[in-house]
Amino acid sequence: MDQTGRPCPLCGESMHRRHCKYVCPRHGVVYDCSDTFW
């Protein structure tokens, strides 16, 4: 199930977590699990 959580660093919109990615409704995939700072 998707979770809303972290704000998008580009626009502040709540992102959805899908599998190993954070998806912003405005910008699409912003981060995935290969980004070490998450």
PDB file of N, CA and C in Angstrom:
ATOM      1  N   MET A   1       0.834  -1.195   0.000  1.00  0.00           N
ATOM      2  CA  MET A   1       0.000   0.000   0.000  1.00  0.00           C
ATOM      3  C   MET A   1       0.875   1.253   0.000  1.00  0.00           C
ATOM      4  N   ASP A   2       0.506   2.219  -0.781  1.00  0.00           N
ATOM      5  CA  ASP A   2       1.279   3.456  -0.861  1.00  0.00           C
ATOM      6  C   ASP A   2       1.167   4.250   0.430  1.00  0.00           C
ATOM      7  N   GLN A   3       2.214   4.950   0.750  1.00  0.00           N
ATOM      8  CA  GLN A   3       2.224   5.801   1.935  1.00  0.00           C
ATOM      9  C   GLN A   3       2.549   7.222   1.503  1.00  0.00           C
ATOM     10  N   THR A   4       1.849   8.178   2.076  1.00  0.00           N
ATOM     11  CA  THR A   4       2.256   9.557   1.863  1.00  0.00           C
ATOM     12  C   THR A   4       3.236   9.913   2.957  1.00  0.00           C
ATOM     13  N   GLY A   5       4.148  10.774   2.640  1.00  0.00           N
ATOM     14  CA  GLY A   5       5.143  11.065   3.642  1.00  0.00           C
ATOM     15  C   GLY A   5       5.970  12.269   3.298  1.00  0.00           C
ATOM     16  N   ARG A   6       7.215  12.040   2.976  1.00  0.00           N
ATOM     17  CA  ARG A   6       8.178  13.115   2.796  1.00  0.00           C
ATOM     18  C   ARG A   6       7.700  14.149   1.784  1.00  0.00           C
ATOM     19  N   PRO A   7       7.963  15.413   2.067  1.00  0.00           N
ATOM     20  CA  PRO A   7       7.617  16.441   1.091  1.00  0.00           C
ATOM     21  C   PRO A   7       8.608  16.444  -0.068  1.00  0.00           C
ATOM     22  N   CYS A   8       8.129  16.753  -1.229  1.00  0.00           N
ATOM     23  CA  CYS A   8       8.994  16.876  -2.402  1.00  0.00           C
ATOM     24  C   CYS A   8       9.930  18.066  -2.198  1.00  0.00           C
ATOM     25  N   PRO A   9      11.232  17.879  -2.426  1.00  0.00           N
ATOM     26  CA  PRO A   9      12.176  18.984  -2.247  1.00  0.00           C
ATOM     27  C   PRO A   9      12.019  20.066  -3.314  1.00  0.00           C
ATOM     28  N   LEU A  10      11.317  19.747  -4.386  1.00  0.00           N
ATOM     29  CA  LEU A  10      11.130  20.717  -5.466  1.00  0.00           C
ATOM     30  C   LEU A  10       9.925  21.610  -5.247  1.00  0.00           C
ATOM     31  N   CYS A  11       8.837  21.045  -4.690  1.00  0.00           N
ATOM     32  CA  CYS A  11       7.607  21.838  -4.572  1.00  0.00           C
ATOM     33  C   CYS A  11       6.931  21.734  -3.210  1.00  0.00           C
ATOM     34  N   GLY A  12       7.371  20.797  -2.352  1.00  0.00           N
ATOM     35  CA  GLY A  12       6.781  20.671  -1.026  1.00  0.00           C
ATOM     36  C   GLY A  12       5.545  19.790  -0.964  1.00  0.00           C
ATOM     37  N   GLU A  13       5.103  19.270  -2.096  1.00  0.00           N
ATOM     38  CA  GLU A  13       3.944  18.378  -2.149  1.00  0.00           C
ATOM     39  C   GLU A  13       4.282  17.055  -1.465  1.00  0.00           C
ATOM     40  N   SER A  14       3.314  16.455  -0.765  1.00  0.00           N
ATOM     41  CA  SER A  14       3.551  15.151  -0.143  1.00  0.00           C
ATOM     42  C   SER A  14       3.784  14.097  -1.215  1.00  0.00           C
ATOM     43  N   MET A  15       4.858  13.340  -1.038  1.00  0.00           N
ATOM     44  CA  MET A  15       5.179  12.301  -2.010  1.00  0.00           C
ATOM     45  C   MET A  15       4.599  10.970  -1.566  1.00  0.00           C
ATOM     46  N   HIS A  16       4.393  10.080  -2.531  1.00  0.00           N
ATOM     47  CA  HIS A  16       3.933   8.721  -2.270  1.00  0.00           C
ATOM     48  C   HIS A  16       5.131   7.795  -2.357  1.00  0.00           C
ATOM     49  N   ARG A  17       5.186   6.832  -1.444  1.00  0.00           N
ATOM     50  CA  ARG A  17       6.252   5.840  -1.505  1.00  0.00           C
ATOM     51  C   ARG A  17       5.733   4.621  -2.245  1.00  0.00           C
ATOM     52  N   ARG A  18       6.405   4.278  -3.321  1.00  0.00           N
ATOM     53  CA  ARG A  18       6.022   3.096  -4.099  1.00  0.00           C
ATOM     54  C   ARG A  18       7.237   2.212  -4.267  1.00  0.00           C
ATOM     55  N   HIS A  19       7.152   1.017  -3.711  1.00  0.00           N
ATOM     56  CA  HIS A  19       8.273   0.084  -3.760  1.00  0.00           C
ATOM     57  C   HIS A  19       9.503   0.784  -3.203  1.00  0.00           C
ATOM     58  N   CYS A  20      10.445   1.088  -4.056  1.00  0.00           N
ATOM     59  CA  CYS A  20      11.692   1.687  -3.590  1.00  0.00           C
ATOM     60  C   CYS A  20      11.825   3.118  -4.098  1.00  0.00           C
ATOM     61  N   LYS A  21      10.703   3.747  -4.396  1.00  0.00           N
ATOM     62  CA  LYS A  21      10.754   5.082  -4.978  1.00  0.00           C
ATOM     63  C   LYS A  21       9.834   6.034  -4.233  1.00  0.00           C
ATOM     64  N   TYR A  22      10.202   7.298  -4.242  1.00  0.00           N
ATOM     65  CA  TYR A  22       9.308   8.353  -3.769  1.00  0.00           C
ATOM     66  C   TYR A  22       8.800   9.090  -4.987  1.00  0.00           C
ATOM     67  N   VAL A  23       7.474   9.164  -5.119  1.00  0.00           N
ATOM     68  CA  VAL A  23       6.853   9.733  -6.307  1.00  0.00           C
ATOM     69  C   VAL A  23       6.098  11.002  -5.933  1.00  0.00           C
ATOM     70  N   CYS A  24       6.476  12.100  -6.564  1.00  0.00           N
ATOM     71  CA  CYS A  24       5.772  13.364  -6.374  1.00  0.00           C
ATOM     72  C   CYS A  24       4.657  13.453  -7.404  1.00  0.00           C
ATOM     73  N   PRO A  25       3.452  13.849  -6.999  1.00  0.00           N
ATOM     74  CA  PRO A  25       2.351  13.945  -7.967  1.00  0.00           C
ATOM     75  C   PRO A  25       2.612  14.973  -9.068  1.00  0.00           C
ATOM     76  N   ARG A  26       3.482  15.927  -8.826  1.00  0.00           N
ATOM     77  CA  ARG A  26       3.797  16.931  -9.846  1.00  0.00           C
ATOM     78  C   ARG A  26       5.044  16.606 -10.658  1.00  0.00           C
ATOM     79  N   HIS A  27       6.054  16.017 -10.011  1.00  0.00           N
ATOM     80  CA  HIS A  27       7.350  15.833 -10.656  1.00  0.00           C
ATOM     81  C   HIS A  27       7.683  14.384 -10.993  1.00  0.00           C
ATOM     82  N   GLY A  28       6.836  13.447 -10.620  1.00  0.00           N
ATOM     83  CA  GLY A  28       7.152  12.046 -10.880  1.00  0.00           C
ATOM     84  C   GLY A  28       8.138  11.517  -9.835  1.00  0.00           C
ATOM     85  N   VAL A  29       8.920  10.531 -10.217  1.00  0.00           N
ATOM     86  CA  VAL A  29       9.860   9.912  -9.285  1.00  0.00           C
ATOM     87  C   VAL A  29      10.960  10.911  -8.939  1.00  0.00           C
ATOM     88  N   VAL A  30      11.111  11.181  -7.651  1.00  0.00           N
ATOM     89  CA  VAL A  30      12.112  12.142  -7.197  1.00  0.00           C
ATOM     90  C   VAL A  30      13.336  11.416  -6.640  1.00  0.00           C
ATOM     91  N   TYR A  31      13.099  10.371  -5.847  1.00  0.00           N
ATOM     92  CA  TYR A  31      14.192   9.602  -5.266  1.00  0.00           C
ATOM     93  C   TYR A  31      13.878   8.125  -5.392  1.00  0.00           C
ATOM     94  N   ASP A  32      14.930   7.315  -5.408  1.00  0.00           N
ATOM     95  CA  ASP A  32      14.736   5.879  -5.238  1.00  0.00           C
ATOM     96  C   ASP A  32      15.768   5.357  -4.248  1.00  0.00           C
ATOM     97  N   CYS A  33      15.742   4.061  -4.003  1.00  0.00           N
ATOM     98  CA  CYS A  33      16.559   3.517  -2.920  1.00  0.00           C
ATOM     99  C   CYS A  33      18.053   3.536  -3.232  1.00  0.00           C
ATOM    100  N   SER A  34      18.455   3.869  -4.444  1.00  0.00           N
ATOM    101  CA  SER A  34      19.877   3.991  -4.737  1.00  0.00           C
ATOM    102  C   SER A  34      20.448   5.315  -4.244  1.00  0.00           C
ATOM    103  N   ASP A  35      19.571   6.243  -3.838  1.00  0.00           N
ATOM    104  CA  ASP A  35      20.034   7.500  -3.259  1.00  0.00           C
ATOM    105  C   ASP A  35      20.412   7.256  -1.801  1.00  0.00           C
ATOM    106  N   THR A  36      21.680   7.400  -1.494  1.00  0.00           N
ATOM    107  CA  THR A  36      22.179   6.969  -0.187  1.00  0.00           C
ATOM    108  C   THR A  36      21.752   7.884   0.952  1.00  0.00           C
ATOM    109  N   PHE A  37      21.347   9.110   0.679  1.00  0.00           N
ATOM    110  CA  PHE A  37      20.979  10.022   1.757  1.00  0.00           C
ATOM    111  C   PHE A  37      19.560   9.823   2.242  1.00  0.00           C
ATOM    112  N   TRP A  38      18.817   8.886   1.687  1.00  0.00           N
ATOM    113  CA  TRP A  38      17.498   8.568   2.235  1.00  0.00           C
ATOM    114  C   TRP A  38      17.710   7.518   3.275  1.00  0.00           C
TER     115      TRP A  38
END
